[in-house]
Amino acid sequence: MAWLDQLLTTFYNAKWQVTPGQAIYYREIVGNAFGLGSALFGLRRSAWAWPVGIVGNVLLFTVFMGQAIGNDQGTPLYGQASRQVFFVATSVYGWWRWRRNSTRTHGIAVTPHWASPGQRAVFVPAALAAVVLCFFVFRAVGAGFPAPWWYYLADSWIFVGSILATYAMARGWVEFWLCWIAVDLVGVPELLHFRYYPSAILYAVYAAFVIWGFVVWLRISRAESGPRLSAPAPAAA
């Protein structure tokens, strides 16, 4: 359908030219709005978190690739872009799993609880090793786009931290909210530095949201009992 192709092309290219050398694509704003919506559904443990999150992830992937796919925004953020791919893959499974769990347990998709000391002893060293590995991978991939060393380290943590947070919620661990806070503390300054302003604003808003989410899940973990269901997290932006 020609009209649909034209509509999608127009939306893809639509941008706000802030300065002669800086543009903000509307798909970044829309993608982040879907990301926040996904997080809100996730807080309520609703399966709608998944399809809403997938839309946001696809849009943000096209944004964070930056100059690598012809955007005006500049330096590609490979860690940010890579985690969108990871979130889409997780969301397909998560949507199916949460819906199945909800059917089996009268609407309860996952029961929040703390990770055990043994589990923390495994995933903390694994995450540190993954950050080091991603640092060298992202630096090699991004060799054609000059950037300071700390950019690759920050992007590596954002990527690994996002995966860790997603896995933690997949297991129903309350710690996943704390992990997102750590990701936001790095993500906001990085996005501001590279002028991804809508995403930086969302990260700042999301930081306050995850504190609220942590309190809610903490209360649920104390109030609810019964079998612990494992399901992955919604794909937050």
Protein backbone atom coordinates (compact mmCIF):
# COMPACT_ATOMS: atom_id res chain seq x y z
CA MET A 1 0.00 0.00 0.00
CA ALA A 2 1.64 3.18 -1.22
CA TRP A 3 -0.14 5.43 1.24
CA LEU A 4 1.09 3.37 4.20
CA ASP A 5 4.67 3.39 2.90
CA GLN A 6 4.47 7.16 2.49
CA LEU A 7 3.07 7.58 5.99
CA LEU A 8 5.80 5.46 7.57
CA THR A 9 8.51 7.24 5.57
CA THR A 10 7.19 10.64 6.62
CA PHE A 11 7.10 9.60 10.28
CA TYR A 12 10.59 8.06 10.08
CA ASN A 13 12.11 11.27 8.70
CA ALA A 14 10.07 13.76 10.75
CA LYS A 15 12.28 15.78 13.09
CA TRP A 16 12.56 18.99 15.02
CA GLN A 17 15.58 20.96 13.83
CA VAL A 18 16.76 22.49 17.11
CA THR A 19 19.91 24.04 15.62
CA PRO A 20 21.52 23.82 12.15
CA GLY A 21 23.61 20.89 13.40
CA GLN A 22 21.19 19.24 15.83
CA ALA A 23 17.85 17.54 15.19
CA ILE A 24 15.48 15.59 17.42
CA TYR A 25 13.55 12.88 15.63
CA TYR A 26 9.91 12.53 16.64
CA ARG A 27 10.32 8.75 16.71
CA GLU A 28 12.66 9.23 19.67
CA ILE A 29 9.90 11.05 21.57
CA VAL A 30 7.23 8.52 20.56
CA GLY A 31 9.51 5.56 21.28
CA ASN A 32 10.23 6.81 24.77
CA ALA A 33 6.53 7.40 25.40
CA PHE A 34 5.87 3.74 24.55
CA GLY A 35 8.78 2.76 26.80
CA LEU A 36 7.28 4.59 29.76
CA GLY A 37 3.90 3.04 29.03
CA SER A 38 5.50 -0.39 29.03
CA ALA A 39 7.10 0.30 32.41
CA LEU A 40 3.77 1.40 33.88
CA PHE A 41 2.09 -1.79 32.68
CA GLY A 42 5.03 -3.75 34.09
CA LEU A 43 4.57 -2.15 37.50
CA ARG A 44 1.00 -3.42 37.46
CA ARG A 45 2.23 -6.82 36.21
CA SER A 46 0.05 -6.54 33.12
CA ALA A 47 0.82 -8.49 29.92
CA TRP A 48 0.17 -5.30 27.93
CA ALA A 49 3.70 -4.26 28.94
CA TRP A 50 5.09 -6.49 26.21
CA PRO A 51 3.43 -5.31 22.96
CA VAL A 52 3.66 -1.68 24.08
CA GLY A 53 7.35 -2.14 24.86
CA ILE A 54 8.10 -3.78 21.52
CA VAL A 55 6.84 -0.73 19.61
CA GLY A 56 9.06 1.55 21.68
CA ASN A 57 12.09 -0.72 21.30
CA VAL A 58 11.86 -0.80 17.50
CA LEU A 59 11.58 2.98 17.29
CA LEU A 60 14.46 3.61 19.70
CA PHE A 61 16.72 1.17 17.87
CA THR A 62 16.44 3.34 14.75
CA VAL A 63 17.29 6.39 16.84
CA PHE A 64 20.31 5.14 18.78
CA MET A 65 22.07 3.83 15.69
CA GLY A 66 22.73 7.51 14.92
CA GLN A 67 25.07 8.23 12.02
CA ALA A 68 25.48 4.51 11.37
CA ILE A 69 22.11 4.59 9.56
CA GLY A 70 22.17 8.22 8.45
CA ASN A 71 20.56 10.05 11.39
CA ASP A 72 21.59 13.62 12.13
CA GLN A 73 21.98 13.06 15.85
CA GLY A 74 25.59 11.96 15.72
CA THR A 75 27.53 9.28 17.55
CA PRO A 76 25.85 5.84 17.48
CA LEU A 77 25.12 4.47 20.95
CA TYR A 78 25.70 0.78 20.31
CA GLY A 79 24.89 -0.30 23.85
CA GLN A 80 21.59 1.55 23.77
CA ALA A 81 20.75 0.17 20.32
CA SER A 82 21.78 -3.40 21.17
CA ARG A 83 19.62 -3.59 24.24
CA GLN A 84 16.56 -2.69 22.15
CA VAL A 85 17.18 -5.85 20.11
CA PHE A 86 17.50 -7.84 23.32
CA PHE A 87 14.27 -6.36 24.67
CA VAL A 88 12.29 -7.24 21.54
CA ALA A 89 13.43 -10.86 21.72
CA THR A 90 12.63 -11.04 25.44
CA SER A 91 9.25 -9.40 25.01
CA VAL A 92 8.02 -12.02 22.55
CA TYR A 93 8.71 -14.73 25.11
CA GLY A 94 7.59 -12.61 28.04
CA TRP A 95 4.24 -11.77 26.49
CA TRP A 96 3.49 -15.47 26.02
CA ARG A 97 4.77 -16.42 29.48
CA TRP A 98 2.91 -13.72 31.42
CA ARG A 99 -0.35 -14.51 29.65
CA ARG A 100 0.10 -18.21 30.38
CA ASN A 101 0.94 -17.58 34.04
CA SER A 102 -2.03 -15.23 34.41
CA THR A 103 -4.35 -17.95 33.13
CA ARG A 104 -2.92 -20.57 35.48
CA THR A 105 -2.83 -18.37 38.61
CA HIS A 106 -5.97 -16.26 38.33
CA GLY A 107 -4.29 -13.13 36.99
CA ILE A 108 -0.95 -13.22 38.85
CA ALA A 109 1.90 -13.16 36.32
CA VAL A 110 4.86 -13.00 38.72
CA THR A 111 5.40 -12.86 42.50
CA PRO A 112 8.19 -10.43 43.57
CA HIS A 113 10.87 -11.70 45.98
CA TRP A 114 14.54 -11.07 46.80
CA ALA A 115 17.36 -13.00 45.16
CA SER A 116 19.25 -15.40 47.40
CA PRO A 117 22.88 -14.73 48.45
CA GLY A 118 23.99 -17.59 46.20
CA GLN A 119 22.22 -16.06 43.20
CA ARG A 120 23.85 -12.67 43.84
CA ALA A 121 27.25 -14.38 44.09
CA VAL A 122 26.75 -15.60 40.52
CA PHE A 123 25.20 -12.66 38.69
CA VAL A 124 27.34 -9.83 40.15
CA PRO A 125 30.73 -11.24 38.96
CA ALA A 126 29.12 -12.30 35.67
CA ALA A 127 27.85 -8.76 35.09
CA LEU A 128 31.27 -7.23 35.79
CA ALA A 129 32.93 -9.60 33.35
CA ALA A 130 30.27 -8.85 30.73
CA VAL A 131 30.88 -5.08 31.08
CA VAL A 132 34.59 -5.58 30.36
CA LEU A 133 33.85 -7.79 27.36
CA CYS A 134 31.29 -5.34 25.92
CA PHE A 135 33.73 -2.46 26.39
CA PHE A 136 36.19 -4.03 23.95
CA VAL A 137 33.46 -5.17 21.55
CA PHE A 138 31.75 -1.78 21.37
CA ARG A 139 35.09 0.00 21.05
CA ALA A 140 36.04 -2.21 18.10
CA VAL A 141 32.66 -1.80 16.41
CA GLY A 142 32.64 1.95 16.92
CA ALA A 143 36.18 2.58 15.70
CA GLY A 144 34.86 4.69 12.82
CA PHE A 145 33.06 7.11 15.15
CA PRO A 146 35.52 8.98 17.42
CA ALA A 147 34.44 8.89 21.06
CA PRO A 148 36.19 9.00 24.46
CA TRP A 149 36.97 5.75 26.26
CA TRP A 150 34.45 6.46 29.00
CA TYR A 151 31.66 6.47 26.42
CA TYR A 152 32.32 2.81 25.61
CA LEU A 153 32.48 1.94 29.31
CA ALA A 154 29.21 3.77 30.03
CA ASP A 155 27.46 2.19 27.06
CA SER A 156 28.71 -1.24 28.12
CA TRP A 157 27.24 -0.85 31.58
CA ILE A 158 23.94 0.44 30.17
CA PHE A 159 23.71 -2.63 27.95
CA VAL A 160 24.75 -5.18 30.59
CA GLY A 161 22.83 -3.45 33.38
CA SER A 162 19.67 -3.47 31.28
CA ILE A 163 20.05 -7.18 30.60
CA LEU A 164 20.70 -7.84 34.29
CA ALA A 165 17.64 -5.82 35.29
CA THR A 166 15.50 -7.67 32.76
CA TYR A 167 16.76 -11.04 33.98
CA ALA A 168 16.17 -10.03 37.60
CA MET A 169 12.55 -9.22 36.88
CA ALA A 170 12.32 -12.39 34.84
CA ARG A 171 13.03 -14.19 38.09
CA GLY A 172 10.75 -11.85 40.05
CA TRP A 173 13.65 -10.34 42.01
CA VAL A 174 12.94 -7.04 43.76
CA GLU A 175 16.55 -6.01 43.05
CA PHE A 176 15.70 -5.36 39.42
CA TRP A 177 14.42 -1.89 40.33
CA LEU A 178 17.75 -1.06 42.04
CA CYS A 179 19.61 -2.20 38.94
CA TRP A 180 17.53 0.14 36.76
CA ILE A 181 18.44 3.04 39.06
CA ALA A 182 22.13 2.25 38.50
CA VAL A 183 21.54 2.20 34.74
CA ASP A 184 19.75 5.56 34.86
CA LEU A 185 22.58 7.17 36.85
CA VAL A 186 24.91 6.45 33.92
CA GLY A 187 22.40 6.77 31.11
CA VAL A 188 21.15 10.31 31.81
CA PRO A 189 24.60 12.02 31.69
CA GLU A 190 25.59 10.01 28.60
CA LEU A 191 22.43 10.88 26.69
CA LEU A 192 22.74 14.56 27.60
CA HIS A 193 26.37 14.61 26.47
CA PHE A 194 25.50 13.13 23.07
CA ARG A 195 22.35 15.30 22.76
CA TYR A 196 19.69 12.61 22.85
CA TYR A 197 17.53 14.97 24.89
CA PRO A 198 14.09 13.25 24.83
CA SER A 199 15.68 9.99 25.96
CA ALA A 200 17.64 11.80 28.69
CA ILE A 201 14.43 13.37 29.99
CA LEU A 202 12.70 9.99 30.01
CA TYR A 203 15.62 8.43 31.90
CA ALA A 204 15.35 11.17 34.53
CA VAL A 205 11.59 10.63 34.87
CA TYR A 206 12.13 6.88 34.89
CA ALA A 207 14.62 7.21 37.77
CA ALA A 208 11.85 8.60 39.97
CA PHE A 209 9.44 5.98 38.66
CA VAL A 210 11.72 3.04 39.51
CA ILE A 211 12.04 4.25 43.10
CA TRP A 212 8.28 4.12 43.33
CA GLY A 213 8.28 0.72 41.62
CA PHE A 214 10.84 -0.60 44.09
CA VAL A 215 8.64 0.40 47.02
CA VAL A 216 5.57 -1.19 45.41
CA TRP A 217 7.33 -4.47 44.64
CA LEU A 218 8.90 -4.52 48.10
CA ARG A 219 5.46 -4.27 49.68
CA ILE A 220 4.12 -6.98 47.37
CA SER A 221 7.03 -9.29 48.23
CA ARG A 222 6.13 -8.94 51.91
CA ALA A 223 2.39 -9.29 51.45
CA GLU A 224 2.10 -12.08 48.87
CA SER A 225 2.82 -15.74 49.42
CA GLY A 226 2.53 -18.86 47.31
CA PRO A 227 4.52 -20.24 44.39
CA ARG A 228 7.06 -17.98 42.76
CA LEU A 229 6.48 -17.61 39.06
CA SER A 230 9.30 -16.72 36.77
CA ALA A 231 8.67 -14.41 33.83
CA PRO A 232 10.86 -11.88 32.06
CA ALA A 233 10.54 -8.15 32.43
CA PRO A 234 8.84 -5.69 30.13
CA ALA A 235 11.14 -3.99 27.62
CA ALA A 236 11.77 -0.55 29.19
CA ALA A 237 13.53 2.20 27.01
